N, C-alpha and C. Protein backbone atom coordinates (compact mmCIF):
# COMPACT_ATOMS: atom_id res chain seq x y z
N UNK A 1 10.88 49.72 16.95
CA UNK A 1 10.75 48.68 15.95
C UNK A 1 9.52 48.94 15.09
N UNK A 2 9.62 48.41 13.88
CA UNK A 2 8.49 48.58 12.99
C UNK A 2 7.45 47.50 13.24
N UNK A 3 6.24 47.83 12.91
CA UNK A 3 5.14 46.90 13.12
C UNK A 3 5.05 45.95 11.94
N UNK A 4 4.90 44.66 12.23
CA UNK A 4 4.78 43.66 11.17
C UNK A 4 3.38 43.08 11.22
N UNK A 5 2.69 43.16 10.09
CA UNK A 5 1.34 42.61 10.00
C UNK A 5 1.43 41.29 9.23
N UNK A 6 0.77 40.27 9.77
CA UNK A 6 0.92 38.93 9.20
C UNK A 6 -0.36 38.42 8.54
N UNK A 7 -1.22 39.32 8.15
CA UNK A 7 -2.51 38.91 7.60
C UNK A 7 -2.41 38.00 6.40
N UNK A 8 -1.52 38.31 5.48
CA UNK A 8 -1.41 37.54 4.24
C UNK A 8 -0.91 36.13 4.53
N UNK A 9 0.15 36.02 5.32
CA UNK A 9 0.72 34.71 5.62
C UNK A 9 -0.27 33.86 6.43
N UNK A 10 -0.95 34.50 7.36
CA UNK A 10 -1.89 33.79 8.20
C UNK A 10 -3.05 33.23 7.37
N UNK A 11 -3.56 34.07 6.48
CA UNK A 11 -4.66 33.64 5.62
C UNK A 11 -4.21 32.50 4.71
N UNK A 12 -3.01 32.60 4.17
CA UNK A 12 -2.50 31.56 3.28
C UNK A 12 -2.36 30.23 4.03
N UNK A 13 -1.83 30.29 5.25
CA UNK A 13 -1.66 29.07 6.04
C UNK A 13 -3.02 28.44 6.34
N UNK A 14 -3.99 29.25 6.71
CA UNK A 14 -5.31 28.72 7.03
C UNK A 14 -6.00 28.17 5.79
N UNK A 15 -5.86 28.86 4.66
CA UNK A 15 -6.48 28.39 3.42
C UNK A 15 -5.92 27.03 3.01
N UNK A 16 -4.62 26.84 3.26
CA UNK A 16 -3.98 25.58 2.91
C UNK A 16 -4.60 24.42 3.71
N UNK A 17 -4.82 24.65 5.00
CA UNK A 17 -5.42 23.62 5.84
C UNK A 17 -6.87 23.38 5.44
N UNK A 18 -7.62 24.45 5.22
CA UNK A 18 -9.04 24.34 4.83
C UNK A 18 -9.15 23.59 3.50
N UNK A 19 -8.22 23.84 2.60
CA UNK A 19 -8.24 23.16 1.30
C UNK A 19 -8.01 21.66 1.48
N UNK A 20 -7.12 21.29 2.40
CA UNK A 20 -6.87 19.86 2.65
C UNK A 20 -8.05 19.19 3.33
N UNK A 21 -8.89 19.99 4.02
CA UNK A 21 -10.05 19.44 4.73
C UNK A 21 -11.29 19.40 3.84
N UNK A 22 -11.12 19.66 2.56
CA UNK A 22 -12.26 19.66 1.64
C UNK A 22 -12.90 18.27 1.62
N UNK A 23 -14.21 18.23 1.72
CA UNK A 23 -14.93 16.96 1.71
C UNK A 23 -15.26 16.44 3.09
N UNK A 24 -14.73 17.08 4.13
CA UNK A 24 -15.05 16.66 5.49
C UNK A 24 -16.45 17.16 5.84
N UNK A 25 -17.01 16.60 6.90
CA UNK A 25 -18.39 16.89 7.28
C UNK A 25 -18.45 18.07 8.24
N UNK A 26 -19.51 18.87 8.12
CA UNK A 26 -19.87 19.94 9.06
C UNK A 26 -18.78 20.99 9.18
N UNK A 27 -18.54 21.45 10.42
CA UNK A 27 -17.60 22.55 10.60
C UNK A 27 -16.15 22.11 10.45
N UNK A 28 -15.89 20.83 10.29
CA UNK A 28 -14.51 20.35 10.12
C UNK A 28 -13.92 20.80 8.80
N UNK A 29 -14.78 21.21 7.85
CA UNK A 29 -14.26 21.69 6.57
C UNK A 29 -14.18 23.21 6.51
N UNK A 30 -14.83 23.92 7.44
CA UNK A 30 -14.84 25.38 7.36
C UNK A 30 -14.15 26.04 8.55
N UNK A 31 -14.28 25.47 9.72
CA UNK A 31 -13.68 26.04 10.92
C UNK A 31 -12.21 25.64 10.99
N UNK A 32 -11.31 26.62 11.11
CA UNK A 32 -9.88 26.33 11.03
C UNK A 32 -9.42 25.37 12.12
N UNK A 33 -9.84 25.62 13.36
CA UNK A 33 -9.38 24.75 14.46
C UNK A 33 -9.82 23.31 14.25
N UNK A 34 -11.07 23.13 13.92
CA UNK A 34 -11.60 21.78 13.71
C UNK A 34 -10.95 21.14 12.49
N UNK A 35 -10.73 21.94 11.44
CA UNK A 35 -10.10 21.42 10.22
C UNK A 35 -8.67 20.99 10.50
N UNK A 36 -7.94 21.77 11.30
CA UNK A 36 -6.56 21.45 11.65
C UNK A 36 -6.50 20.11 12.37
N UNK A 37 -7.39 19.93 13.33
CA UNK A 37 -7.46 18.67 14.09
C UNK A 37 -7.75 17.50 13.15
N UNK A 38 -8.73 17.70 12.27
CA UNK A 38 -9.14 16.62 11.36
C UNK A 38 -8.02 16.28 10.39
N UNK A 39 -7.34 17.28 9.88
CA UNK A 39 -6.26 17.06 8.91
C UNK A 39 -5.09 16.32 9.58
N UNK A 40 -4.79 16.67 10.83
CA UNK A 40 -3.70 15.98 11.54
C UNK A 40 -4.04 14.51 11.75
N UNK A 41 -5.29 14.23 12.17
CA UNK A 41 -5.68 12.84 12.36
C UNK A 41 -5.69 12.08 11.04
N UNK A 42 -6.15 12.75 9.99
CA UNK A 42 -6.20 12.11 8.68
C UNK A 42 -4.79 11.75 8.21
N UNK A 43 -3.84 12.62 8.52
CA UNK A 43 -2.45 12.35 8.15
C UNK A 43 -1.92 11.11 8.84
N UNK A 44 -2.26 10.96 10.12
CA UNK A 44 -1.82 9.76 10.86
C UNK A 44 -2.42 8.50 10.25
N UNK A 45 -3.70 8.57 9.94
CA UNK A 45 -4.36 7.40 9.36
C UNK A 45 -3.81 7.09 7.97
N UNK A 46 -3.44 8.12 7.24
CA UNK A 46 -2.90 7.90 5.89
C UNK A 46 -1.56 7.19 5.95
N UNK A 47 -0.73 7.56 6.91
CA UNK A 47 0.57 6.90 7.08
C UNK A 47 0.35 5.43 7.40
N UNK A 48 -0.54 5.18 8.36
CA UNK A 48 -0.83 3.79 8.74
C UNK A 48 -1.38 3.00 7.55
N UNK A 49 -2.25 3.65 6.77
CA UNK A 49 -2.85 2.99 5.62
C UNK A 49 -1.83 2.59 4.56
N UNK A 50 -0.83 3.45 4.36
CA UNK A 50 0.21 3.12 3.39
C UNK A 50 1.02 1.91 3.83
N UNK A 51 1.26 1.80 5.13
CA UNK A 51 1.97 0.62 5.66
C UNK A 51 1.10 -0.64 5.52
N UNK A 52 -0.20 -0.51 5.83
CA UNK A 52 -1.10 -1.65 5.75
C UNK A 52 -1.26 -2.15 4.33
N UNK A 53 -1.23 -1.23 3.38
CA UNK A 53 -1.39 -1.62 1.98
C UNK A 53 -0.29 -2.58 1.55
N UNK A 54 0.93 -2.32 1.99
CA UNK A 54 2.05 -3.20 1.66
C UNK A 54 1.84 -4.59 2.23
N UNK A 55 1.37 -4.63 3.51
CA UNK A 55 1.09 -5.92 4.15
C UNK A 55 0.01 -6.68 3.41
N UNK A 56 -1.07 -5.97 3.04
CA UNK A 56 -2.20 -6.62 2.39
C UNK A 56 -1.82 -7.20 1.04
N UNK A 57 -1.01 -6.46 0.28
CA UNK A 57 -0.60 -6.96 -1.03
C UNK A 57 0.29 -8.19 -0.90
N UNK A 58 1.20 -8.16 0.08
CA UNK A 58 2.07 -9.33 0.26
C UNK A 58 1.23 -10.57 0.62
N UNK A 59 0.22 -10.39 1.48
CA UNK A 59 -0.67 -11.51 1.83
C UNK A 59 -1.41 -12.03 0.59
N UNK A 60 -1.88 -11.11 -0.25
CA UNK A 60 -2.59 -11.50 -1.47
C UNK A 60 -1.68 -12.29 -2.40
N UNK A 61 -0.44 -11.81 -2.55
CA UNK A 61 0.50 -12.52 -3.42
C UNK A 61 0.76 -13.93 -2.90
N UNK A 62 0.93 -14.06 -1.59
CA UNK A 62 1.18 -15.38 -1.00
C UNK A 62 0.01 -16.32 -1.24
N UNK A 63 -1.20 -15.80 -1.10
CA UNK A 63 -2.40 -16.62 -1.32
C UNK A 63 -2.46 -17.09 -2.77
N UNK A 64 -2.18 -16.19 -3.70
CA UNK A 64 -2.23 -16.55 -5.13
C UNK A 64 -1.17 -17.58 -5.48
N UNK A 65 0.04 -17.40 -4.96
CA UNK A 65 1.13 -18.35 -5.24
C UNK A 65 0.76 -19.71 -4.66
N UNK A 66 0.24 -19.73 -3.44
CA UNK A 66 -0.14 -20.99 -2.79
C UNK A 66 -1.21 -21.71 -3.60
N UNK A 67 -2.21 -20.96 -4.07
CA UNK A 67 -3.29 -21.58 -4.85
C UNK A 67 -2.74 -22.18 -6.14
N UNK A 68 -1.87 -21.42 -6.82
CA UNK A 68 -1.29 -21.93 -8.06
C UNK A 68 -0.40 -23.13 -7.83
N UNK A 69 0.37 -23.10 -6.75
CA UNK A 69 1.29 -24.20 -6.46
C UNK A 69 0.53 -25.46 -6.08
N UNK A 70 -0.53 -25.33 -5.31
CA UNK A 70 -1.29 -26.51 -4.87
C UNK A 70 -1.99 -27.20 -6.04
N UNK A 71 -2.36 -26.42 -7.05
CA UNK A 71 -2.94 -27.04 -8.26
C UNK A 71 -1.93 -27.95 -8.94
N UNK A 72 -0.64 -27.61 -8.77
CA UNK A 72 0.42 -28.38 -9.42
C UNK A 72 1.10 -29.35 -8.45
N UNK A 73 0.50 -29.55 -7.28
CA UNK A 73 0.99 -30.58 -6.36
C UNK A 73 2.11 -30.14 -5.44
N UNK A 74 2.25 -28.86 -5.19
CA UNK A 74 3.28 -28.35 -4.28
C UNK A 74 2.64 -27.40 -3.28
N UNK A 75 3.25 -27.25 -2.12
CA UNK A 75 2.76 -26.24 -1.20
C UNK A 75 3.56 -24.96 -1.39
N UNK A 76 3.05 -23.88 -0.85
CA UNK A 76 3.70 -22.57 -0.97
C UNK A 76 5.10 -22.59 -0.39
N UNK A 77 5.23 -23.14 0.80
CA UNK A 77 6.53 -23.11 1.47
C UNK A 77 7.57 -23.97 0.74
N UNK A 78 7.14 -25.13 0.26
CA UNK A 78 8.07 -25.99 -0.48
C UNK A 78 8.51 -25.32 -1.78
N UNK A 79 7.56 -24.69 -2.46
CA UNK A 79 7.88 -24.01 -3.71
C UNK A 79 8.91 -22.91 -3.48
N UNK A 80 8.66 -22.06 -2.49
CA UNK A 80 9.60 -20.96 -2.24
C UNK A 80 10.93 -21.46 -1.72
N UNK A 81 10.90 -22.52 -0.92
CA UNK A 81 12.15 -23.11 -0.44
C UNK A 81 13.01 -23.61 -1.59
N UNK A 82 12.38 -24.30 -2.53
CA UNK A 82 13.11 -24.82 -3.69
C UNK A 82 13.61 -23.68 -4.59
N UNK A 83 12.78 -22.66 -4.77
CA UNK A 83 13.22 -21.51 -5.58
C UNK A 83 14.46 -20.87 -4.97
N UNK A 84 14.47 -20.75 -3.64
CA UNK A 84 15.61 -20.15 -2.95
C UNK A 84 16.85 -21.03 -3.09
N UNK A 85 16.68 -22.36 -2.95
CA UNK A 85 17.81 -23.29 -3.08
C UNK A 85 18.45 -23.21 -4.45
N UNK A 86 17.60 -23.10 -5.48
CA UNK A 86 18.10 -23.08 -6.86
C UNK A 86 18.44 -21.69 -7.36
N UNK A 87 18.42 -20.71 -6.45
CA UNK A 87 18.77 -19.31 -6.79
C UNK A 87 17.95 -18.75 -7.94
N UNK A 88 16.66 -19.07 -7.96
CA UNK A 88 15.77 -18.48 -8.95
C UNK A 88 15.31 -17.14 -8.38
N UNK A 89 15.76 -16.07 -9.00
CA UNK A 89 15.48 -14.72 -8.48
C UNK A 89 14.21 -14.16 -9.11
N UNK A 90 13.08 -14.53 -8.53
CA UNK A 90 11.81 -13.97 -8.97
C UNK A 90 11.01 -13.64 -7.71
N UNK A 91 10.49 -12.43 -7.65
CA UNK A 91 9.83 -11.99 -6.42
C UNK A 91 8.38 -12.49 -6.36
N UNK A 92 7.79 -12.33 -5.17
CA UNK A 92 6.44 -12.83 -4.95
C UNK A 92 5.42 -12.14 -5.84
N UNK A 93 5.62 -10.85 -6.07
CA UNK A 93 4.66 -10.11 -6.90
C UNK A 93 4.58 -10.71 -8.30
N UNK A 94 5.74 -11.00 -8.89
CA UNK A 94 5.75 -11.57 -10.24
C UNK A 94 5.24 -13.00 -10.25
N UNK A 95 5.61 -13.77 -9.23
CA UNK A 95 5.10 -15.15 -9.14
C UNK A 95 3.58 -15.16 -9.05
N UNK A 96 3.03 -14.26 -8.23
CA UNK A 96 1.58 -14.20 -8.08
C UNK A 96 0.90 -13.79 -9.39
N UNK A 97 1.51 -12.84 -10.07
CA UNK A 97 0.96 -12.39 -11.36
C UNK A 97 0.96 -13.54 -12.37
N UNK A 98 2.05 -14.31 -12.41
CA UNK A 98 2.12 -15.45 -13.32
C UNK A 98 1.11 -16.52 -12.94
N UNK A 99 0.97 -16.77 -11.64
CA UNK A 99 0.03 -17.80 -11.19
C UNK A 99 -1.41 -17.43 -11.55
N UNK A 100 -1.73 -16.13 -11.49
CA UNK A 100 -3.10 -15.70 -11.74
C UNK A 100 -3.41 -15.55 -13.23
N UNK A 101 -2.45 -15.00 -13.99
CA UNK A 101 -2.77 -14.66 -15.39
C UNK A 101 -2.12 -15.59 -16.42
N UNK A 102 -0.95 -16.14 -16.08
CA UNK A 102 -0.23 -16.99 -17.04
C UNK A 102 0.11 -18.34 -16.40
N UNK A 103 -0.88 -19.22 -16.19
CA UNK A 103 -0.61 -20.48 -15.49
C UNK A 103 0.37 -21.38 -16.23
N UNK A 104 0.44 -21.26 -17.57
CA UNK A 104 1.39 -22.10 -18.32
C UNK A 104 2.83 -21.75 -17.97
N UNK A 105 3.13 -20.47 -17.86
CA UNK A 105 4.48 -20.02 -17.50
C UNK A 105 4.78 -20.40 -16.05
N UNK A 106 3.79 -20.24 -15.18
CA UNK A 106 3.95 -20.60 -13.77
C UNK A 106 4.24 -22.10 -13.65
N UNK A 107 3.57 -22.91 -14.47
CA UNK A 107 3.78 -24.36 -14.45
C UNK A 107 5.21 -24.69 -14.87
N UNK A 108 5.75 -23.96 -15.84
CA UNK A 108 7.15 -24.19 -16.26
C UNK A 108 8.12 -23.90 -15.11
N UNK A 109 7.84 -22.83 -14.37
CA UNK A 109 8.71 -22.49 -13.23
C UNK A 109 8.64 -23.59 -12.17
N UNK A 110 7.43 -24.07 -11.90
CA UNK A 110 7.26 -25.13 -10.89
C UNK A 110 7.93 -26.41 -11.36
N UNK A 111 7.80 -26.74 -12.64
CA UNK A 111 8.45 -27.95 -13.16
C UNK A 111 9.97 -27.84 -13.08
N UNK A 112 10.49 -26.66 -13.29
CA UNK A 112 11.95 -26.45 -13.20
C UNK A 112 12.42 -26.66 -11.76
N UNK A 113 11.58 -26.31 -10.80
CA UNK A 113 11.93 -26.44 -9.39
C UNK A 113 11.85 -27.89 -8.93
N UNK A 114 10.87 -28.64 -9.44
CA UNK A 114 10.66 -30.03 -8.98
C UNK A 114 11.86 -30.91 -9.27
C-alpha cells in the first residue's frame, strides 16, 4: 500500500479550532487540546443561550403588555383572554411593541376588546 501523509488536513483541522478559540485566555487559544475542550464547552453554552434568549424576550413582552394593559384598567390575562375570544390575531411581540412605542394604537386595541 502507498503511504498517505495527512499533514495538510491535520493542520487545517487544527487551525479551524484555534481560529474559533480566538479571544480565549492563556493556552486555551494556542494549545490545540485546550482549545478543542474550550470550543466544545462554548458550543454547549451557546446552544443554551439561544434557548434562554427566546424565554427572556417572551418574559419581557409579557411584562410590557401587562404594564400597558394595567394603565388602561385591564390585567394581562384578561386582555389576552379577550383577544383570543374575539379572534384578534396579534402576537405578543407586536402587542409589546405597540404598548411601549405606540400607546394610542394599543389603547384602540384594548378598547376594541372591552
